Full PDB file with SEQRES, HELIX, SHEET, SSBOND, CRYST1, ORIGX, SCALE, CONECT and MASTER records, all heavy atoms in Angstrom:
SEQRES   1 A   41  LEU THR THR LEU GLY GLN GLY GLU PRO PRO ALA LEU LEU          
SEQRES   2 A   41  VAL ILE ASP SER ILE GLN THR MET HIS SER ASP THR ILE          
SEQRES   3 A   41  GLU GLY ALA PRO GLY THR VAL SER GLN VAL ARG GLY CYS          
SEQRES   4 A   41  ALA LEU                                                      
HELIX    1 AA1 LEU A    4  GLN A    6  5                                   3    
HELIX    2 AA2 ILE A   18  THR A   20  5                                   3    
HELIX    3 AA3 VAL A   33  ALA A   40  1                                   8    
CRYST1    1.000    1.000    1.000  90.00  90.00  90.00 P 1           1          
ORIGX1      1.000000  0.000000  0.000000        0.00000                         
ORIGX2      0.000000  1.000000  0.000000        0.00000                         
ORIGX3      0.000000  0.000000  1.000000        0.00000                         
SCALE1      1.000000  0.000000  0.000000        0.00000                         
SCALE2      0.000000  1.000000  0.000000        0.00000                         
SCALE3      0.000000  0.000000  1.000000        0.00000                         
ATOM      1  N   LEU A   1       8.767  13.420  -3.228  1.00  0.00           N  
ATOM      2  CA  LEU A   1       9.066  14.777  -3.690  1.00  0.00           C  
ATOM      3  C   LEU A   1       7.879  15.713  -3.497  1.00  0.00           C  
ATOM      4  O   LEU A   1       8.057  16.906  -3.232  1.00  0.00           O  
ATOM      5  CB  LEU A   1       9.489  14.737  -5.159  1.00  0.00           C  
ATOM      6  CG  LEU A   1      10.788  13.983  -5.462  1.00  0.00           C  
ATOM      7  CD1 LEU A   1      11.112  14.030  -6.938  1.00  0.00           C  
ATOM      8  CD2 LEU A   1      11.946  14.542  -4.648  1.00  0.00           C  
ATOM      9  N   THR A   2       6.658  15.188  -3.629  1.00  0.00           N  
ATOM     10  CA  THR A   2       5.479  16.027  -3.387  1.00  0.00           C  
ATOM     11  C   THR A   2       5.415  16.472  -1.931  1.00  0.00           C  
ATOM     12  O   THR A   2       5.120  17.632  -1.625  1.00  0.00           O  
ATOM     13  CB  THR A   2       4.206  15.263  -3.763  1.00  0.00           C  
ATOM     14  OG1 THR A   2       4.263  14.891  -5.145  1.00  0.00           O  
ATOM     15  CG2 THR A   2       2.968  16.112  -3.520  1.00  0.00           C  
ATOM     16  N   THR A   3       5.698  15.550  -1.026  1.00  0.00           N  
ATOM     17  CA  THR A   3       5.676  15.883   0.402  1.00  0.00           C  
ATOM     18  C   THR A   3       6.771  16.883   0.757  1.00  0.00           C  
ATOM     19  O   THR A   3       6.533  17.848   1.498  1.00  0.00           O  
ATOM     20  CB  THR A   3       5.837  14.611   1.237  1.00  0.00           C  
ATOM     21  OG1 THR A   3       4.830  13.663   0.863  1.00  0.00           O  
ATOM     22  CG2 THR A   3       5.729  14.911   2.713  1.00  0.00           C  
ATOM     23  N   LEU A   4       7.987  16.654   0.218  1.00  0.00           N  
ATOM     24  CA  LEU A   4       9.084  17.569   0.524  1.00  0.00           C  
ATOM     25  C   LEU A   4       8.863  18.941  -0.086  1.00  0.00           C  
ATOM     26  O   LEU A   4       9.356  19.950   0.441  1.00  0.00           O  
ATOM     27  CB  LEU A   4      10.406  16.973   0.025  1.00  0.00           C  
ATOM     28  CG  LEU A   4      10.871  15.685   0.704  1.00  0.00           C  
ATOM     29  CD1 LEU A   4      12.156  15.181   0.063  1.00  0.00           C  
ATOM     30  CD2 LEU A   4      11.079  15.893   2.192  1.00  0.00           C  
ATOM     31  N   GLY A   5       8.145  19.017  -1.207  1.00  0.00           N  
ATOM     32  CA  GLY A   5       7.911  20.298  -1.856  1.00  0.00           C  
ATOM     33  C   GLY A   5       6.897  21.171  -1.157  1.00  0.00           C  
ATOM     34  O   GLY A   5       6.745  22.348  -1.513  1.00  0.00           O  
ATOM     35  N   GLN A   6       6.191  20.644  -0.159  1.00  0.00           N  
ATOM     36  CA  GLN A   6       5.192  21.427   0.559  1.00  0.00           C  
ATOM     37  C   GLN A   6       5.780  22.313   1.646  1.00  0.00           C  
ATOM     38  O   GLN A   6       5.066  23.129   2.231  1.00  0.00           O  
ATOM     39  CB  GLN A   6       4.154  20.485   1.175  1.00  0.00           C  
ATOM     40  CG  GLN A   6       3.335  19.714   0.148  1.00  0.00           C  
ATOM     41  CD  GLN A   6       2.381  18.725   0.780  1.00  0.00           C  
ATOM     42  OE1 GLN A   6       2.405  18.540   2.014  1.00  0.00           O  
ATOM     43  NE2 GLN A   6       1.553  18.086  -0.032  1.00  0.00           N  
ATOM     44  N   GLY A   7       7.043  22.151   1.946  1.00  0.00           N  
ATOM     45  CA  GLY A   7       7.681  22.966   2.979  1.00  0.00           C  
ATOM     46  C   GLY A   7       9.110  23.288   2.611  1.00  0.00           C  
ATOM     47  O   GLY A   7       9.543  23.120   1.464  1.00  0.00           O  
ATOM     48  N   GLU A   8       9.861  23.760   3.601  1.00  0.00           N  
ATOM     49  CA  GLU A   8      11.261  24.063   3.393  1.00  0.00           C  
ATOM     50  C   GLU A   8      12.055  22.774   3.179  1.00  0.00           C  
ATOM     51  O   GLU A   8      11.770  21.742   3.796  1.00  0.00           O  
ATOM     52  CB  GLU A   8      11.831  24.820   4.593  1.00  0.00           C  
ATOM     53  CG  GLU A   8      11.272  26.217   4.760  1.00  0.00           C  
ATOM     54  CD  GLU A   8      11.678  27.126   3.617  1.00  0.00           C  
ATOM     55  OE1 GLU A   8      12.806  26.950   3.087  1.00  0.00           O  
ATOM     56  OE2 GLU A   8      10.884  28.006   3.242  1.00  0.00           O  
ATOM     57  N   PRO A   9      13.044  22.776   2.289  1.00  0.00           N  
ATOM     58  CA  PRO A   9      13.833  21.559   2.062  1.00  0.00           C  
ATOM     59  C   PRO A   9      14.635  21.193   3.295  1.00  0.00           C  
ATOM     60  O   PRO A   9      15.149  22.068   4.008  1.00  0.00           O  
ATOM     61  CB  PRO A   9      14.730  21.944   0.886  1.00  0.00           C  
ATOM     62  CG  PRO A   9      14.804  23.433   0.922  1.00  0.00           C  
ATOM     63  CD  PRO A   9      13.473  23.899   1.441  1.00  0.00           C  
ATOM     64  N   PRO A  10      14.793  19.913   3.594  1.00  0.00           N  
ATOM     65  CA  PRO A  10      15.582  19.504   4.763  1.00  0.00           C  
ATOM     66  C   PRO A  10      17.062  19.694   4.514  1.00  0.00           C  
ATOM     67  O   PRO A  10      17.518  19.856   3.372  1.00  0.00           O  
ATOM     68  CB  PRO A  10      15.212  18.029   4.914  1.00  0.00           C  
ATOM     69  CG  PRO A  10      14.870  17.589   3.532  1.00  0.00           C  
ATOM     70  CD  PRO A  10      14.224  18.772   2.873  1.00  0.00           C  
ATOM     71  N   ALA A  11      17.824  19.659   5.581  1.00  0.00           N  
ATOM     72  CA  ALA A  11      19.282  19.761   5.451  1.00  0.00           C  
ATOM     73  C   ALA A  11      19.881  18.457   4.960  1.00  0.00           C  
ATOM     74  O   ALA A  11      20.905  18.452   4.268  1.00  0.00           O  
ATOM     75  CB  ALA A  11      19.908  20.148   6.793  1.00  0.00           C  
ATOM     76  N   LEU A  12      19.230  17.331   5.291  1.00  0.00           N  
ATOM     77  CA  LEU A  12      19.742  16.021   4.890  1.00  0.00           C  
ATOM     78  C   LEU A  12      18.563  15.124   4.552  1.00  0.00           C  
ATOM     79  O   LEU A  12      17.577  15.057   5.299  1.00  0.00           O  
ATOM     80  CB  LEU A  12      20.573  15.392   6.012  1.00  0.00           C  
ATOM     81  CG  LEU A  12      21.088  13.967   5.774  1.00  0.00           C  
ATOM     82  CD1 LEU A  12      22.088  13.962   4.612  1.00  0.00           C  
ATOM     83  CD2 LEU A  12      21.745  13.402   7.031  1.00  0.00           C  
ATOM     84  N   LEU A  13      18.665  14.434   3.418  1.00  0.00           N  
ATOM     85  CA  LEU A  13      17.666  13.470   2.980  1.00  0.00           C  
ATOM     86  C   LEU A  13      18.354  12.136   2.751  1.00  0.00           C  
ATOM     87  O   LEU A  13      19.278  12.042   1.930  1.00  0.00           O  
ATOM     88  CB  LEU A  13      16.976  13.947   1.700  1.00  0.00           C  
ATOM     89  CG  LEU A  13      16.034  12.948   1.017  1.00  0.00           C  
ATOM     90  CD1 LEU A  13      14.877  12.579   1.942  1.00  0.00           C  
ATOM     91  CD2 LEU A  13      15.520  13.504  -0.310  1.00  0.00           C  
ATOM     92  N   VAL A  14      17.937  11.108   3.463  1.00  0.00           N  
ATOM     93  CA  VAL A  14      18.511   9.766   3.354  1.00  0.00           C  
ATOM     94  C   VAL A  14      17.479   8.863   2.691  1.00  0.00           C  
ATOM     95  O   VAL A  14      16.342   8.765   3.159  1.00  0.00           O  
ATOM     96  CB  VAL A  14      18.915   9.213   4.729  1.00  0.00           C  
ATOM     97  CG1 VAL A  14      19.501   7.811   4.586  1.00  0.00           C  
ATOM     98  CG2 VAL A  14      19.921  10.143   5.404  1.00  0.00           C  
ATOM     99  N   ILE A  15      17.875   8.204   1.607  1.00  0.00           N  
ATOM    100  CA  ILE A  15      17.023   7.256   0.893  1.00  0.00           C  
ATOM    101  C   ILE A  15      17.645   5.869   1.048  1.00  0.00           C  
ATOM    102  O   ILE A  15      18.741   5.606   0.557  1.00  0.00           O  
ATOM    103  CB  ILE A  15      16.889   7.606  -0.603  1.00  0.00           C  
ATOM    104  CG1 ILE A  15      16.336   9.021  -0.762  1.00  0.00           C  
ATOM    105  CG2 ILE A  15      16.009   6.599  -1.305  1.00  0.00           C  
ATOM    106  CD1 ILE A  15      14.921   9.191  -0.278  1.00  0.00           C  
ATOM    107  N   ASP A  16      16.937   4.982   1.717  1.00  0.00           N  
ATOM    108  CA  ASP A  16      17.454   3.641   2.014  1.00  0.00           C  
ATOM    109  C   ASP A  16      16.447   2.597   1.508  1.00  0.00           C  
ATOM    110  O   ASP A  16      15.467   2.298   2.191  1.00  0.00           O  
ATOM    111  CB  ASP A  16      17.654   3.508   3.528  1.00  0.00           C  
ATOM    112  CG  ASP A  16      18.353   2.212   3.920  1.00  0.00           C  
ATOM    113  OD1 ASP A  16      18.789   1.486   3.003  1.00  0.00           O  
ATOM    114  OD2 ASP A  16      18.440   1.946   5.127  1.00  0.00           O  
ATOM    115  N   SER A  17      16.635   2.092   0.311  1.00  0.00           N  
ATOM    116  CA  SER A  17      17.731   2.279  -0.604  1.00  0.00           C  
ATOM    117  C   SER A  17      17.181   2.681  -1.969  1.00  0.00           C  
ATOM    118  O   SER A  17      15.980   2.615  -2.202  1.00  0.00           O  
ATOM    119  CB  SER A  17      18.543   1.006  -0.709  1.00  0.00           C  
ATOM    120  OG  SER A  17      17.721  -0.020  -1.291  1.00  0.00           O  
ATOM    121  N   ILE A  18      18.070   3.058  -2.896  1.00  0.00           N  
ATOM    122  CA  ILE A  18      17.645   3.535  -4.196  1.00  0.00           C  
ATOM    123  C   ILE A  18      17.058   2.402  -5.028  1.00  0.00           C  
ATOM    124  O   ILE A  18      16.211   2.631  -5.905  1.00  0.00           O  
ATOM    125  CB  ILE A  18      18.830   4.211  -4.926  1.00  0.00           C  
ATOM    126  CG1 ILE A  18      18.362   4.869  -6.221  1.00  0.00           C  
ATOM    127  CG2 ILE A  18      19.954   3.217  -5.171  1.00  0.00           C  
ATOM    128  CD1 ILE A  18      17.316   5.926  -6.043  1.00  0.00           C  
ATOM    129  N   GLN A  19      17.443   1.155  -4.763  1.00  0.00           N  
ATOM    130  CA  GLN A  19      16.916   0.022  -5.534  1.00  0.00           C  
ATOM    131  C   GLN A  19      15.460  -0.290  -5.192  1.00  0.00           C  
ATOM    132  O   GLN A  19      14.816  -1.033  -5.930  1.00  0.00           O  
ATOM    133  CB  GLN A  19      17.771  -1.227  -5.293  1.00  0.00           C  
ATOM    134  CG  GLN A  19      19.006  -1.315  -6.159  1.00  0.00           C  
ATOM    135  CD  GLN A  19      20.129  -0.425  -5.666  1.00  0.00           C  
ATOM    136  OE1 GLN A  19      20.073   0.093  -4.550  1.00  0.00           O  
ATOM    137  NE2 GLN A  19      21.153  -0.232  -6.485  1.00  0.00           N  
ATOM    138  N   THR A  20      14.938   0.236  -4.093  1.00  0.00           N  
ATOM    139  CA  THR A  20      13.545   0.002  -3.735  1.00  0.00           C  
ATOM    140  C   THR A  20      12.620   1.112  -4.211  1.00  0.00           C  
ATOM    141  O   THR A  20      11.402   0.973  -4.108  1.00  0.00           O  
ATOM    142  CB  THR A  20      13.406  -0.124  -2.205  1.00  0.00           C  
ATOM    143  OG1 THR A  20      13.827   1.105  -1.586  1.00  0.00           O  
ATOM    144  CG2 THR A  20      14.258  -1.265  -1.674  1.00  0.00           C  
ATOM    145  N   MET A  21      13.158   2.202  -4.734  1.00  0.00           N  
ATOM    146  CA  MET A  21      12.337   3.319  -5.180  1.00  0.00           C  
ATOM    147  C   MET A  21      11.746   3.031  -6.565  1.00  0.00           C  
ATOM    148  O   MET A  21      12.336   2.301  -7.362  1.00  0.00           O  
ATOM    149  CB  MET A  21      13.168   4.603  -5.235  1.00  0.00           C  
ATOM    150  CG  MET A  21      13.726   5.058  -3.903  1.00  0.00           C  
ATOM    151  SD  MET A  21      12.441   5.628  -2.766  1.00  0.00           S  
ATOM    152  CE  MET A  21      12.630   4.437  -1.431  1.00  0.00           C  
ATOM    153  N   HIS A  22      10.588   3.613  -6.853  1.00  0.00           N  
ATOM    154  CA  HIS A  22       9.994   3.463  -8.168  1.00  0.00           C  
ATOM    155  C   HIS A  22       9.281   4.751  -8.552  1.00  0.00           C  
ATOM    156  O   HIS A  22       8.831   5.529  -7.703  1.00  0.00           O  
ATOM    157  CB  HIS A  22       9.011   2.287  -8.207  1.00  0.00           C  
ATOM    158  CG  HIS A  22       7.658   2.604  -7.642  1.00  0.00           C  
ATOM    159  ND1 HIS A  22       7.382   2.541  -6.299  1.00  0.00           N  
ATOM    160  CD2 HIS A  22       6.498   3.010  -8.252  1.00  0.00           C  
ATOM    161  CE1 HIS A  22       6.122   2.872  -6.089  1.00  0.00           C  
ATOM    162  NE2 HIS A  22       5.562   3.161  -7.241  1.00  0.00           N  
ATOM    163  N   SER A  23       9.194   4.966  -9.856  1.00  0.00           N  
ATOM    164  CA  SER A  23       8.520   6.133 -10.424  1.00  0.00           C  
ATOM    165  C   SER A  23       7.391   5.651 -11.316  1.00  0.00           C  
ATOM    166  O   SER A  23       7.585   4.735 -12.127  1.00  0.00           O  
ATOM    167  CB  SER A  23       9.508   6.985 -11.226  1.00  0.00           C  
ATOM    168  OG  SER A  23       8.834   8.017 -11.926  1.00  0.00           O  
ATOM    169  N   ASP A  24       6.219   6.275 -11.201  1.00  0.00           N  
ATOM    170  CA  ASP A  24       5.074   5.852 -12.005  1.00  0.00           C  
ATOM    171  C   ASP A  24       5.158   6.330 -13.447  1.00  0.00           C  
ATOM    172  O   ASP A  24       4.312   5.978 -14.270  1.00  0.00           O  
ATOM    173  CB  ASP A  24       3.771   6.344 -11.367  1.00  0.00           C  
ATOM    174  CG  ASP A  24       3.786   7.841 -11.106  1.00  0.00           C  
ATOM    175  OD1 ASP A  24       4.732   8.518 -11.574  1.00  0.00           O  
ATOM    176  OD2 ASP A  24       2.869   8.340 -10.427  1.00  0.00           O  
ATOM    177  N   THR A  25       6.160   7.115 -13.773  1.00  0.00           N  
ATOM    178  CA  THR A  25       6.348   7.556 -15.161  1.00  0.00           C  
ATOM    179  C   THR A  25       7.240   6.612 -15.952  1.00  0.00           C  
ATOM    180  O   THR A  25       7.435   6.812 -17.148  1.00  0.00           O  
ATOM    181  CB  THR A  25       6.970   8.957 -15.183  1.00  0.00           C  
ATOM    182  OG1 THR A  25       8.258   8.925 -14.544  1.00  0.00           O  
ATOM    183  CG2 THR A  25       6.080   9.957 -14.467  1.00  0.00           C  
ATOM    184  N   ILE A  26       7.799   5.598 -15.286  1.00  0.00           N  
ATOM    185  CA  ILE A  26       8.720   4.663 -15.921  1.00  0.00           C  
ATOM    186  C   ILE A  26       8.172   3.251 -15.759  1.00  0.00           C  
ATOM    187  O   ILE A  26       7.756   2.868 -14.661  1.00  0.00           O  
ATOM    188  CB  ILE A  26      10.139   4.763 -15.316  1.00  0.00           C  
ATOM    189  CG1 ILE A  26      10.669   6.199 -15.417  1.00  0.00           C  
ATOM    190  CG2 ILE A  26      11.094   3.803 -15.998  1.00  0.00           C  
ATOM    191  CD1 ILE A  26      11.981   6.411 -14.708  1.00  0.00           C  
ATOM    192  N   GLU A  27       8.173   2.504 -16.837  1.00  0.00           N  
ATOM    193  CA  GLU A  27       7.716   1.129 -16.769  1.00  0.00           C  
ATOM    194  C   GLU A  27       8.816   0.257 -16.177  1.00  0.00           C  
ATOM    195  O   GLU A  27       9.996   0.497 -16.373  1.00  0.00           O  
ATOM    196  CB  GLU A  27       7.335   0.618 -18.155  1.00  0.00           C  
ATOM    197  CG  GLU A  27       6.140   1.338 -18.768  1.00  0.00           C  
ATOM    198  CD  GLU A  27       5.740   0.746 -20.098  1.00  0.00           C  
ATOM    199  OE1 GLU A  27       6.436  -0.193 -20.548  1.00  0.00           O  
ATOM    200  OE2 GLU A  27       4.761   1.214 -20.683  1.00  0.00           O  
ATOM    201  N   GLY A  28       8.404  -0.789 -15.477  1.00  0.00           N  
ATOM    202  CA  GLY A  28       9.363  -1.708 -14.891  1.00  0.00           C  
ATOM    203  C   GLY A  28       9.225  -1.771 -13.389  1.00  0.00           C  
ATOM    204  O   GLY A  28       8.706  -0.855 -12.728  1.00  0.00           O  
ATOM    205  N   ALA A  29       9.707  -2.875 -12.841  1.00  0.00           N  
ATOM    206  CA  ALA A  29       9.656  -3.078 -11.404  1.00  0.00           C  
ATOM    207  C   ALA A  29      10.776  -2.307 -10.718  1.00  0.00           C  
ATOM    208  O   ALA A  29      11.782  -1.965 -11.347  1.00  0.00           O  
ATOM    209  CB  ALA A  29       9.766  -4.566 -11.087  1.00  0.00           C  
ATOM    210  N   PRO A  30      10.633  -2.008  -9.419  1.00  0.00           N  
ATOM    211  CA  PRO A  30      11.734  -1.353  -8.691  1.00  0.00           C  
ATOM    212  C   PRO A  30      13.008  -2.191  -8.746  1.00  0.00           C  
ATOM    213  O   PRO A  30      12.971  -3.409  -8.628  1.00  0.00           O  
ATOM    214  CB  PRO A  30      11.191  -1.243  -7.258  1.00  0.00           C  
ATOM    215  CG  PRO A  30       9.707  -1.272  -7.407  1.00  0.00           C  
ATOM    216  CD  PRO A  30       9.426  -2.161  -8.577  1.00  0.00           C  
ATOM    217  N   GLY A  31      14.127  -1.508  -8.928  1.00  0.00           N  
ATOM    218  CA  GLY A  31      15.406  -2.185  -9.013  1.00  0.00           C  
ATOM    219  C   GLY A  31      15.902  -2.402 -10.414  1.00  0.00           C  
ATOM    220  O   GLY A  31      17.071  -2.750 -10.606  1.00  0.00           O  
ATOM    221  N   THR A  32      15.036  -2.222 -11.420  1.00  0.00           N  
ATOM    222  CA  THR A  32      15.492  -2.347 -12.793  1.00  0.00           C  
ATOM    223  C   THR A  32      16.358  -1.154 -13.182  1.00  0.00           C  
ATOM    224  O   THR A  32      16.384  -0.130 -12.503  1.00  0.00           O  
ATOM    225  CB  THR A  32      14.293  -2.455 -13.751  1.00  0.00           C  
ATOM    226  OG1 THR A  32      13.462  -1.300 -13.585  1.00  0.00           O  
ATOM    227  CG2 THR A  32      13.475  -3.702 -13.449  1.00  0.00           C  
ATOM    228  N   VAL A  33      17.070  -1.317 -14.300  1.00  0.00           N  
ATOM    229  CA  VAL A  33      18.008  -0.274 -14.714  1.00  0.00           C  
ATOM    230  C   VAL A  33      17.290   1.055 -14.952  1.00  0.00           C  
ATOM    231  O   VAL A  33      17.733   2.114 -14.503  1.00  0.00           O  
ATOM    232  CB  VAL A  33      18.762  -0.723 -15.979  1.00  0.00           C  
ATOM    233  CG1 VAL A  33      19.603   0.416 -16.538  1.00  0.00           C  
ATOM    234  CG2 VAL A  33      19.643  -1.921 -15.677  1.00  0.00           C  
ATOM    235  N   SER A  34      16.161   1.005 -15.660  1.00  0.00           N  
ATOM    236  CA  SER A  34      15.447   2.245 -15.967  1.00  0.00           C  
ATOM    237  C   SER A  34      14.882   2.897 -14.711  1.00  0.00           C  
ATOM    238  O   SER A  34      14.925   4.130 -14.568  1.00  0.00           O  
ATOM    239  CB  SER A  34      14.319   1.958 -16.960  1.00  0.00           C  
ATOM    240  OG  SER A  34      13.439   0.968 -16.455  1.00  0.00           O  
ATOM    241  N   GLN A  35      14.358   2.096 -13.780  1.00  0.00           N  
ATOM    242  CA  GLN A  35      13.796   2.650 -12.553  1.00  0.00           C  
ATOM    243  C   GLN A  35      14.879   3.279 -11.679  1.00  0.00           C  
ATOM    244  O   GLN A  35      14.712   4.376 -11.143  1.00  0.00           O  
ATOM    245  CB  GLN A  35      13.054   1.557 -11.782  1.00  0.00           C  
ATOM    246  CG  GLN A  35      11.686   1.220 -12.333  1.00  0.00           C  
ATOM    247  CD  GLN A  35      10.644   2.274 -11.996  1.00  0.00           C  
ATOM    248  OE1 GLN A  35      10.906   3.209 -11.265  1.00  0.00           O  
ATOM    249  NE2 GLN A  35       9.440   2.106 -12.530  1.00  0.00           N  
ATOM    250  N   VAL A  36      15.995   2.595 -11.509  1.00  0.00           N  
ATOM    251  CA  VAL A  36      17.076   3.128 -10.662  1.00  0.00           C  
ATOM    252  C   VAL A  36      17.615   4.418 -11.249  1.00  0.00           C  
ATOM    253  O   VAL A  36      17.829   5.407 -10.536  1.00  0.00           O  
ATOM    254  CB  VAL A  36      18.189   2.075 -10.506  1.00  0.00           C  
ATOM    255  CG1 VAL A  36      19.406   2.682  -9.813  1.00  0.00           C  
ATOM    256  CG2 VAL A  36      17.686   0.886  -9.706  1.00  0.00           C  
ATOM    257  N   ARG A  37      17.825   4.441 -12.560  1.00  0.00           N  
ATOM    258  CA  ARG A  37      18.360   5.648 -13.195  1.00  0.00           C  
ATOM    259  C   ARG A  37      17.364   6.797 -13.124  1.00  0.00           C  
ATOM    260  O   ARG A  37      17.726   7.930 -12.810  1.00  0.00           O  
ATOM    261  CB  ARG A  37      18.730   5.343 -14.648  1.00  0.00           C  
ATOM    262  CG  ARG A  37      19.323   6.528 -15.380  1.00  0.00           C  
ATOM    263  CD  ARG A  37      19.796   6.152 -16.776  1.00  0.00           C  
ATOM    264  NE  ARG A  37      18.702   5.627 -17.583  1.00  0.00           N  
ATOM    265  CZ  ARG A  37      18.661   4.400 -18.083  1.00  0.00           C  
ATOM    266  NH1 ARG A  37      19.653   3.565 -17.848  1.00  0.00           N  
ATOM    267  NH2 ARG A  37      17.632   4.000 -18.822  1.00  0.00           N  
ATOM    268  N   GLY A  38      16.095   6.519 -13.420  1.00  0.00           N  
ATOM    269  CA  GLY A  38      15.095   7.578 -13.401  1.00  0.00           C  
ATOM    270  C   GLY A  38      14.832   8.126 -12.012  1.00  0.00           C  
ATOM    271  O   GLY A  38      14.732   9.343 -11.818  1.00  0.00           O  
ATOM    272  N   CYS A  39      14.716   7.243 -11.009  1.00  0.00           N  
ATOM    273  CA  CYS A  39      14.470   7.699  -9.634  1.00  0.00           C  
ATOM    274  C   CYS A  39      15.648   8.488  -9.093  1.00  0.00           C  
ATOM    275  O   CYS A  39      15.478   9.518  -8.423  1.00  0.00           O  
ATOM    276  CB  CYS A  39      14.168   6.495  -8.739  1.00  0.00           C  
ATOM    277  SG  CYS A  39      12.632   5.627  -9.137  1.00  0.00           S  
ATOM    278  N   ALA A  40      16.857   8.016  -9.365  1.00  0.00           N  
ATOM    279  CA  ALA A  40      18.040   8.743  -8.903  1.00  0.00           C  
ATOM    280  C   ALA A  40      18.139  10.118  -9.552  1.00  0.00           C  
ATOM    281  O   ALA A  40      18.517  11.098  -8.897  1.00  0.00           O  
ATOM    282  CB  ALA A  40      19.301   7.931  -9.196  1.00  0.00           C  
ATOM    283  N   LEU A  41      17.773  10.210 -10.835  1.00  0.00           N  
ATOM    284  CA  LEU A  41      17.833  11.502 -11.523  1.00  0.00           C  
ATOM    285  C   LEU A  41      16.870  12.500 -10.887  1.00  0.00           C  
ATOM    286  O   LEU A  41      17.227  13.674 -10.676  1.00  0.00           O  
ATOM    287  CB  LEU A  41      17.498  11.317 -13.007  1.00  0.00           C  
ATOM    288  CG  LEU A  41      17.475  12.584 -13.854  1.00  0.00           C  
ATOM    289  CD1 LEU A  41      18.839  13.251 -13.853  1.00  0.00           C  
ATOM    290  CD2 LEU A  41      17.042  12.261 -15.283  1.00  0.00           C  
TER     291      LEU A  41                                                      
MASTER        0    0    0    3    0    0    0    6  290    1    0    4          
END                                                                             
């Protein structure tokens, strides 16, 4: 999100996959319920 916020938003953003994403504001490993919900939000 930091990289995308430095310029114009793209027309299409593909995330492959949401279970591999993680947020440093949420405890837990990637793929856990809290991580998937928080990253998707």
